[in-house]
Amino acid sequence: MALSLRKIISSHVRHGMKVGLASVLAYVVSGWSGVPYAYWAVITTVIVMQMHVADSINMCLYRFTGTAIGAGMGILMILIFPPTPIYTLIAIFLGTGTCAYLTRYDARYRMAAITMAIVFLSGLFEEHRIEYTLFRVAEIGIGVLCAFVVSVVVWPNRTASVLLERLRTQYDQVADNFLLLVDNFLHQQRKTDPDLFFDLAREVQANRELYNKIYATERRVFRADIDLLGLQVNTLNSVVERIQSAPNLLNEVEGDGFDIIMAPELTRLGQDIADALRAIGRGEKYDSHHLARSVDAVEKRFIELREEGVIERFDVRRYFQVMSFINTAQHLGEFLLLVLNKQQLPE
């Protein structure tokens, strides 16, 4: 907890320094380029700078394209309507209303409406209104450029790094939870917390949004193994879906449970599944032959016990509970083998 807090504080300190650096850079570049109102560049920099690179890039694109569209709309209104009170009201209504309507197609038109109002009204009494508008675009462009450069070059807080760290933690958690399930099952089908996977399942769903940010923007600036990230995100989601109902499976049958004769095989399978999960979560190589042998051992041992008539000792409900749990574990192992073989991680 203390380490996590230090990391958060450290990241916020770095972000504050980056925003300050980008603001100073925007002010200096504005003065060097000769634009009259450097504060627009500084304000823009503060607005678009975000904690993560992907978010900063998205905000830069959103801000600049919205500004360009809004400035174009403002220039159009300036060319069409003279600066009289009644025509000014008409221009404001048409310009902002049109941009606001177009948000149904693209959210950047919201920024266009804001920019149109700013450039049209702030330059209302300027002699060269179009030139004034173009200067506003240049100033905002400088702010966007400075924010982009600082975000990418100085202590880049990559979304890919955040996602990788989340995945490592989540894969470790699901591995630990699965081992707990196996242990409870082997100890006479001991009751398990029904919400064992509740928080994890919600966190896993959020990984998709982070992955989409990386795919849409960050990979264009930084190199990232998109295929591996996609595999990790999708695999974890599938694993959680497959086993999140297992606690209910253990809890639904009342009465004394049974000692499981297949305990050695299931223990080995559970450990190999956990090891495979941790390896996938870290993008490390894993010898899939261990897992394949464990899956086969469970299958062979089950067939032997069935032929010996051992499973007849279970009543119907306990029979379905035991068979369902073994089937879940075996299918999970087979699924992980497919994942590992597909990406050639565990050769």
Protein backbone atom coordinates (compact mmCIF):
# COMPACT_ATOMS: atom_id res chain seq x y z
CA MET A 1 0.00 0.00 0.00
CA ALA A 2 2.80 2.40 0.94
CA LEU A 3 4.70 1.52 -2.24
CA SER A 4 1.59 2.08 -4.35
CA LEU A 5 1.02 5.47 -2.69
CA ARG A 6 4.63 6.48 -3.38
CA LYS A 7 4.21 5.51 -7.02
CA ILE A 8 1.03 7.58 -7.31
CA ILE A 9 2.65 10.60 -5.66
CA SER A 10 5.73 10.21 -7.85
CA SER A 11 3.67 10.01 -11.04
CA HIS A 12 1.71 13.12 -10.06
CA VAL A 13 4.92 14.99 -9.27
CA ARG A 14 6.30 14.08 -12.69
CA HIS A 15 3.03 15.09 -14.32
CA GLY A 16 3.10 18.46 -12.57
CA MET A 17 6.67 19.07 -13.72
CA LYS A 18 5.78 18.07 -17.27
CA VAL A 19 2.80 20.44 -17.37
CA GLY A 20 5.00 23.24 -16.05
CA LEU A 21 7.73 22.49 -18.58
CA ALA A 22 5.26 22.32 -21.48
CA SER A 23 3.67 25.61 -20.40
CA VAL A 24 7.04 27.36 -20.29
CA LEU A 25 7.98 25.88 -23.65
CA ALA A 26 4.70 27.05 -25.17
CA TYR A 27 5.24 30.57 -23.86
CA VAL A 28 8.82 30.70 -25.18
CA VAL A 29 7.90 29.31 -28.60
CA SER A 30 4.98 31.73 -28.85
CA GLY A 31 7.29 34.67 -28.16
CA TRP A 32 9.85 33.37 -30.62
CA SER A 33 7.25 32.88 -33.38
CA GLY A 34 5.75 36.33 -32.86
CA VAL A 35 2.13 35.43 -32.15
CA PRO A 36 0.50 38.21 -30.11
CA TYR A 37 -1.26 36.29 -27.34
CA ALA A 38 1.01 33.63 -25.87
CA TYR A 39 -1.42 32.89 -23.08
CA TRP A 40 -3.66 30.96 -25.49
CA ALA A 41 -0.78 28.56 -26.12
CA VAL A 42 -0.12 28.15 -22.40
CA ILE A 43 -3.82 27.57 -21.62
CA THR A 44 -4.02 24.99 -24.39
CA THR A 45 -0.99 23.16 -23.04
CA VAL A 46 -2.51 22.92 -19.57
CA ILE A 47 -5.79 21.63 -21.02
CA VAL A 48 -4.40 18.89 -23.25
CA MET A 49 -1.63 17.51 -21.00
CA GLN A 50 -2.80 14.24 -19.43
CA MET A 51 -1.18 11.69 -17.13
CA HIS A 52 -0.78 9.04 -19.84
CA VAL A 53 0.67 9.46 -23.31
CA ALA A 54 -2.35 7.94 -25.06
CA ASP A 55 -4.71 10.35 -23.31
CA SER A 56 -2.46 13.31 -24.14
CA ILE A 57 -2.36 12.33 -27.81
CA ASN A 58 -6.14 11.98 -27.91
CA MET A 59 -6.58 15.38 -26.27
CA CYS A 60 -4.08 16.97 -28.66
CA LEU A 61 -5.95 15.61 -31.65
CA TYR A 62 -9.30 16.56 -30.15
CA ARG A 63 -8.20 20.09 -29.30
CA PHE A 64 -6.39 20.90 -32.54
CA THR A 65 -8.88 19.41 -34.98
CA GLY A 66 -11.77 20.94 -33.06
CA THR A 67 -9.97 24.28 -33.13
CA ALA A 68 -9.31 24.07 -36.86
CA ILE A 69 -12.94 23.20 -37.61
CA GLY A 70 -14.22 25.93 -35.29
CA ALA A 71 -11.87 28.49 -36.79
CA GLY A 72 -13.04 27.55 -40.27
CA MET A 73 -16.64 27.97 -39.16
CA GLY A 74 -15.75 31.32 -37.55
CA ILE A 75 -14.09 32.57 -40.74
CA LEU A 76 -17.12 31.48 -42.74
CA MET A 77 -19.41 33.44 -40.42
CA ILE A 78 -17.10 36.47 -40.65
CA LEU A 79 -17.20 36.35 -44.46
CA ILE A 80 -20.97 35.94 -44.63
CA PHE A 81 -22.25 38.26 -41.89
CA PRO A 82 -21.24 41.88 -41.30
CA PRO A 83 -20.35 42.89 -37.69
CA THR A 84 -23.71 44.44 -36.84
CA PRO A 85 -25.62 43.46 -33.69
CA ILE A 86 -28.38 41.54 -35.44
CA TYR A 87 -26.06 39.71 -37.83
CA THR A 88 -23.70 38.91 -34.98
CA LEU A 89 -26.54 37.17 -33.13
CA ILE A 90 -27.48 35.25 -36.28
CA ALA A 91 -23.87 34.20 -36.86
CA ILE A 92 -23.49 33.01 -33.27
CA PHE A 93 -26.72 31.02 -33.51
CA LEU A 94 -25.85 29.39 -36.82
CA GLY A 95 -22.16 28.75 -36.10
CA THR A 96 -22.41 27.30 -32.61
CA GLY A 97 -25.70 25.54 -33.37
CA THR A 98 -24.27 23.82 -36.45
CA CYS A 99 -21.14 22.65 -34.61
CA ALA A 100 -23.20 21.43 -31.66
CA TYR A 101 -25.50 19.48 -33.99
CA LEU A 102 -22.52 17.85 -35.68
CA THR A 103 -21.42 16.31 -32.35
CA ARG A 104 -23.79 13.48 -33.23
CA TYR A 105 -21.14 12.44 -35.77
CA ASP A 106 -17.93 13.38 -33.94
CA ALA A 107 -17.28 14.69 -30.42
CA ARG A 108 -14.60 17.10 -31.65
CA TYR A 109 -17.36 19.39 -32.96
CA ARG A 110 -18.00 20.36 -29.33
CA MET A 111 -14.56 21.94 -29.25
CA ALA A 112 -15.32 23.44 -32.67
CA ALA A 113 -18.38 25.19 -31.23
CA ILE A 114 -16.28 26.61 -28.38
CA THR A 115 -13.54 27.78 -30.73
CA MET A 116 -16.01 29.32 -33.13
CA ALA A 117 -17.57 31.37 -30.33
CA ILE A 118 -14.15 32.47 -29.05
CA VAL A 119 -12.64 33.56 -32.33
CA PHE A 120 -15.81 35.14 -33.65
CA LEU A 121 -16.62 37.17 -30.54
CA SER A 122 -13.12 38.01 -29.32
CA GLY A 123 -12.24 39.37 -32.76
CA LEU A 124 -15.53 41.19 -33.23
CA PHE A 125 -13.98 44.65 -32.99
CA GLU A 126 -10.65 43.77 -34.55
CA GLU A 127 -9.78 45.40 -37.87
CA HIS A 128 -8.42 42.23 -39.46
CA ARG A 129 -10.76 39.57 -38.09
CA ILE A 130 -9.63 36.68 -40.29
CA GLU A 131 -5.98 37.33 -39.49
CA TYR A 132 -6.93 37.51 -35.81
CA THR A 133 -8.65 34.11 -36.11
CA LEU A 134 -5.65 32.51 -37.80
CA PHE A 135 -3.39 33.77 -35.02
CA ARG A 136 -5.65 32.04 -32.47
CA VAL A 137 -5.29 28.79 -34.40
CA ALA A 138 -1.50 29.23 -34.50
CA GLU A 139 -1.34 29.90 -30.76
CA ILE A 140 -3.46 26.87 -29.95
CA GLY A 141 -1.40 24.80 -32.38
CA ILE A 142 1.78 25.82 -30.55
CA GLY A 143 0.25 24.76 -27.24
CA VAL A 144 -0.82 21.41 -28.67
CA LEU A 145 2.60 20.79 -30.22
CA CYS A 146 4.46 21.61 -26.99
CA ALA A 147 2.16 19.38 -24.96
CA PHE A 148 2.66 16.54 -27.42
CA VAL A 149 6.45 16.82 -27.45
CA VAL A 150 6.81 17.00 -23.67
CA SER A 151 4.31 14.18 -23.13
CA VAL A 152 6.16 11.87 -25.53
CA VAL A 153 9.77 12.83 -24.74
CA VAL A 154 9.86 13.66 -21.02
CA TRP A 155 9.07 10.77 -18.64
CA PRO A 156 6.49 9.26 -21.02
CA ASN A 157 3.85 7.53 -18.89
CA ARG A 158 2.81 4.91 -21.41
CA THR A 159 -0.58 3.31 -21.21
CA ALA A 160 1.04 0.07 -22.38
CA SER A 161 3.18 0.03 -19.23
CA VAL A 162 0.14 0.64 -17.07
CA LEU A 163 -1.76 -2.16 -18.79
CA LEU A 164 1.16 -4.59 -18.52
CA GLU A 165 1.44 -3.96 -14.79
CA ARG A 166 -2.31 -4.44 -14.36
CA LEU A 167 -2.18 -7.68 -16.30
CA ARG A 168 0.67 -9.08 -14.23
CA THR A 169 -1.21 -8.34 -11.03
CA GLN A 170 -4.50 -9.70 -12.34
CA TYR A 171 -2.96 -12.89 -13.73
CA ASP A 172 -1.27 -13.49 -10.38
CA GLN A 173 -4.58 -12.92 -8.62
CA VAL A 174 -6.54 -15.28 -10.85
CA ALA A 175 -3.79 -17.91 -10.45
CA ASP A 176 -3.94 -17.61 -6.66
CA ASN A 177 -7.74 -17.76 -6.70
CA PHE A 178 -7.73 -20.84 -8.88
CA LEU A 179 -5.30 -22.60 -6.56
CA LEU A 180 -7.61 -21.70 -3.67
CA LEU A 181 -10.55 -23.22 -5.56
CA VAL A 182 -8.64 -26.44 -6.19
CA ASP A 183 -7.55 -26.62 -2.56
CA ASN A 184 -11.12 -26.10 -1.31
CA PHE A 185 -12.41 -28.70 -3.74
CA LEU A 186 -9.90 -31.29 -2.62
CA HIS A 187 -10.64 -30.62 1.06
CA GLN A 188 -14.10 -32.23 0.92
CA GLN A 189 -15.55 -29.51 -1.29
CA ARG A 190 -15.07 -26.73 1.25
CA LYS A 191 -17.24 -23.61 0.96
CA THR A 192 -15.73 -20.66 -0.90
CA ASP A 193 -16.39 -16.91 -0.93
CA PRO A 194 -19.07 -16.49 -3.66
CA ASP A 195 -17.62 -13.06 -4.55
CA LEU A 196 -14.09 -14.38 -5.01
CA PHE A 197 -13.93 -13.10 -8.60
CA PHE A 198 -16.34 -10.15 -8.33
CA ASP A 199 -13.81 -7.30 -8.14
CA LEU A 200 -11.38 -9.01 -10.49
CA ALA A 201 -14.04 -9.50 -13.18
CA ARG A 202 -14.84 -5.78 -13.09
CA GLU A 203 -11.16 -4.81 -13.33
CA VAL A 204 -10.61 -7.21 -16.22
CA GLN A 205 -13.36 -5.52 -18.22
CA ALA A 206 -11.53 -2.19 -17.91
CA ASN A 207 -8.45 -3.67 -19.63
CA ARG A 208 -10.21 -3.51 -22.98
CA GLU A 209 -10.51 0.28 -22.79
CA LEU A 210 -6.80 0.65 -22.06
CA TYR A 211 -5.93 -1.70 -24.90
CA ASN A 212 -8.08 0.30 -27.32
CA LYS A 213 -6.22 3.48 -26.36
CA ILE A 214 -2.90 1.81 -27.09
CA TYR A 215 -4.10 0.40 -30.39
CA ALA A 216 -5.69 3.66 -31.55
CA THR A 217 -2.95 6.14 -30.61
CA GLU A 218 0.04 5.08 -28.57
CA ARG A 219 1.30 2.39 -30.94
CA ARG A 220 1.78 5.10 -33.58
CA VAL A 221 4.39 6.78 -31.38
CA PHE A 222 5.91 3.91 -29.38
CA ARG A 223 6.63 0.35 -30.34
CA ALA A 224 4.40 -2.13 -28.55
CA ASP A 225 3.66 -5.81 -29.05
CA ILE A 226 -0.01 -5.31 -29.84
CA ASP A 227 -0.59 -8.98 -30.62
CA LEU A 228 0.79 -10.08 -27.26
CA LEU A 229 -1.21 -7.43 -25.39
CA GLY A 230 -4.36 -8.49 -27.22
CA LEU A 231 -3.69 -12.10 -26.34
CA GLN A 232 -3.16 -11.28 -22.67
CA VAL A 233 -6.29 -9.13 -22.43
CA ASN A 234 -8.56 -11.60 -24.23
CA THR A 235 -7.15 -14.67 -22.48
CA LEU A 236 -7.62 -13.19 -19.02
CA ASN A 237 -11.17 -12.20 -19.85
CA SER A 238 -11.94 -15.74 -21.06
CA VAL A 239 -10.30 -17.35 -18.03
CA VAL A 240 -12.30 -15.27 -15.58
CA GLU A 241 -15.52 -16.02 -17.47
CA ARG A 242 -14.75 -19.74 -17.30
CA ILE A 243 -14.08 -19.98 -13.58
CA GLN A 244 -15.97 -17.13 -11.89
CA SER A 245 -18.96 -19.43 -11.26
CA ALA A 246 -16.78 -22.12 -9.64
CA PRO A 247 -17.32 -20.78 -6.08
CA ASN A 248 -21.07 -21.24 -6.50
CA LEU A 249 -20.38 -24.76 -7.74
CA LEU A 250 -18.60 -25.54 -4.49
CA ASN A 251 -21.26 -23.87 -2.35
CA GLU A 252 -24.43 -25.29 -3.86
CA VAL A 253 -24.26 -28.79 -2.34
CA GLU A 254 -24.89 -29.14 1.41
CA GLY A 255 -23.63 -31.89 3.67
CA ASP A 256 -20.31 -33.60 4.16
CA GLY A 257 -18.05 -33.75 1.15
CA PHE A 258 -15.73 -36.49 -0.05
CA ASP A 259 -12.01 -36.99 -0.24
CA ILE A 260 -11.05 -36.93 -3.90
CA ILE A 261 -8.99 -39.90 -5.04
CA MET A 262 -7.69 -37.85 -8.00
CA ALA A 263 -6.16 -35.29 -5.60
CA PRO A 264 -2.53 -35.76 -6.81
CA GLU A 265 -3.50 -35.32 -10.47
CA LEU A 266 -5.75 -32.33 -9.77
CA THR A 267 -3.15 -30.71 -7.52
CA ARG A 268 -0.56 -31.00 -10.27
CA LEU A 269 -3.01 -29.69 -12.87
CA GLY A 270 -3.96 -26.74 -10.66
CA GLN A 271 -0.32 -25.80 -10.12
CA ASP A 272 0.51 -26.09 -13.82
CA ILE A 273 -2.50 -23.95 -14.75
CA ALA A 274 -1.40 -21.33 -12.22
CA ASP A 275 2.16 -21.38 -13.59
CA ALA A 276 0.87 -21.03 -17.14
CA LEU A 277 -1.33 -18.10 -16.14
CA ARG A 278 1.56 -16.29 -14.48
CA ALA A 279 3.78 -16.88 -17.53
CA ILE A 280 1.14 -15.53 -19.93
CA GLY A 281 0.60 -12.52 -17.68
CA ARG A 282 4.30 -11.69 -17.86
CA GLY A 283 4.75 -12.57 -21.53
CA GLU A 284 7.31 -15.19 -20.52
CA LYS A 285 8.05 -18.57 -22.03
CA TYR A 286 6.45 -21.58 -20.41
CA ASP A 287 7.01 -25.24 -21.18
CA SER A 288 3.51 -26.31 -22.23
CA HIS A 289 4.47 -29.97 -22.03
CA HIS A 290 4.02 -29.83 -18.24
CA LEU A 291 0.47 -28.58 -18.59
CA ALA A 292 -0.31 -31.02 -21.40
CA ARG A 293 0.87 -33.96 -19.29
CA SER A 294 -1.24 -32.78 -16.34
CA VAL A 295 -4.36 -32.50 -18.53
CA ASP A 296 -3.77 -35.99 -19.94
CA ALA A 297 -3.11 -37.42 -16.47
CA VAL A 298 -6.45 -36.15 -15.18
CA GLU A 299 -8.23 -37.57 -18.21
CA LYS A 300 -6.57 -41.00 -17.88
CA ARG A 301 -7.09 -41.21 -14.13
CA PHE A 302 -10.75 -40.28 -14.46
CA ILE A 303 -11.29 -43.03 -17.05
CA GLU A 304 -9.62 -45.55 -14.76
CA LEU A 305 -11.80 -44.60 -11.80
CA ARG A 306 -14.94 -44.68 -13.91
CA GLU A 307 -14.11 -48.18 -15.15
CA GLU A 308 -13.50 -49.26 -11.55
CA GLY A 309 -16.92 -47.90 -10.56
CA VAL A 310 -15.47 -45.58 -7.92
CA ILE A 311 -17.61 -42.60 -8.90
CA GLU A 312 -20.75 -44.53 -8.00
CA ARG A 313 -20.19 -43.55 -4.36
CA PHE A 314 -21.47 -40.03 -5.09
CA ASP A 315 -25.12 -39.08 -4.85
CA VAL A 316 -26.54 -37.24 -7.88
CA ARG A 317 -25.93 -33.67 -6.71
CA ARG A 318 -22.44 -34.42 -5.42
CA TYR A 319 -21.70 -36.34 -8.62
CA PHE A 320 -22.55 -33.36 -10.81
CA GLN A 321 -20.59 -31.03 -8.51
CA VAL A 322 -17.45 -33.17 -8.66
CA MET A 323 -17.71 -33.85 -12.38
CA SER A 324 -18.40 -30.19 -13.17
CA PHE A 325 -15.40 -28.97 -11.20
CA ILE A 326 -13.03 -31.51 -12.76
CA ASN A 327 -14.41 -30.66 -16.19
CA THR A 328 -13.89 -26.92 -15.56
CA ALA A 329 -10.28 -27.46 -14.53
CA GLN A 330 -9.55 -29.75 -17.45
CA HIS A 331 -11.13 -27.46 -20.03
CA LEU A 332 -9.27 -24.48 -18.59
CA GLY A 333 -6.01 -26.37 -19.03
CA GLU A 334 -6.90 -27.24 -22.63
CA PHE A 335 -7.82 -23.63 -23.34
CA LEU A 336 -4.49 -22.37 -22.01
CA LEU A 337 -2.66 -24.92 -24.14
CA LEU A 338 -4.36 -23.48 -27.23
CA VAL A 339 -3.39 -19.95 -26.20
CA LEU A 340 0.20 -20.90 -25.53
CA ASN A 341 0.58 -22.85 -28.75
CA LYS A 342 -1.01 -20.08 -30.81
CA GLN A 343 1.46 -17.45 -29.63
CA GLN A 344 4.37 -19.87 -29.24
CA LEU A 345 5.06 -18.48 -25.78
CA PRO A 346 5.67 -21.80 -24.09
CA GLU A 347 7.94 -23.67 -26.46
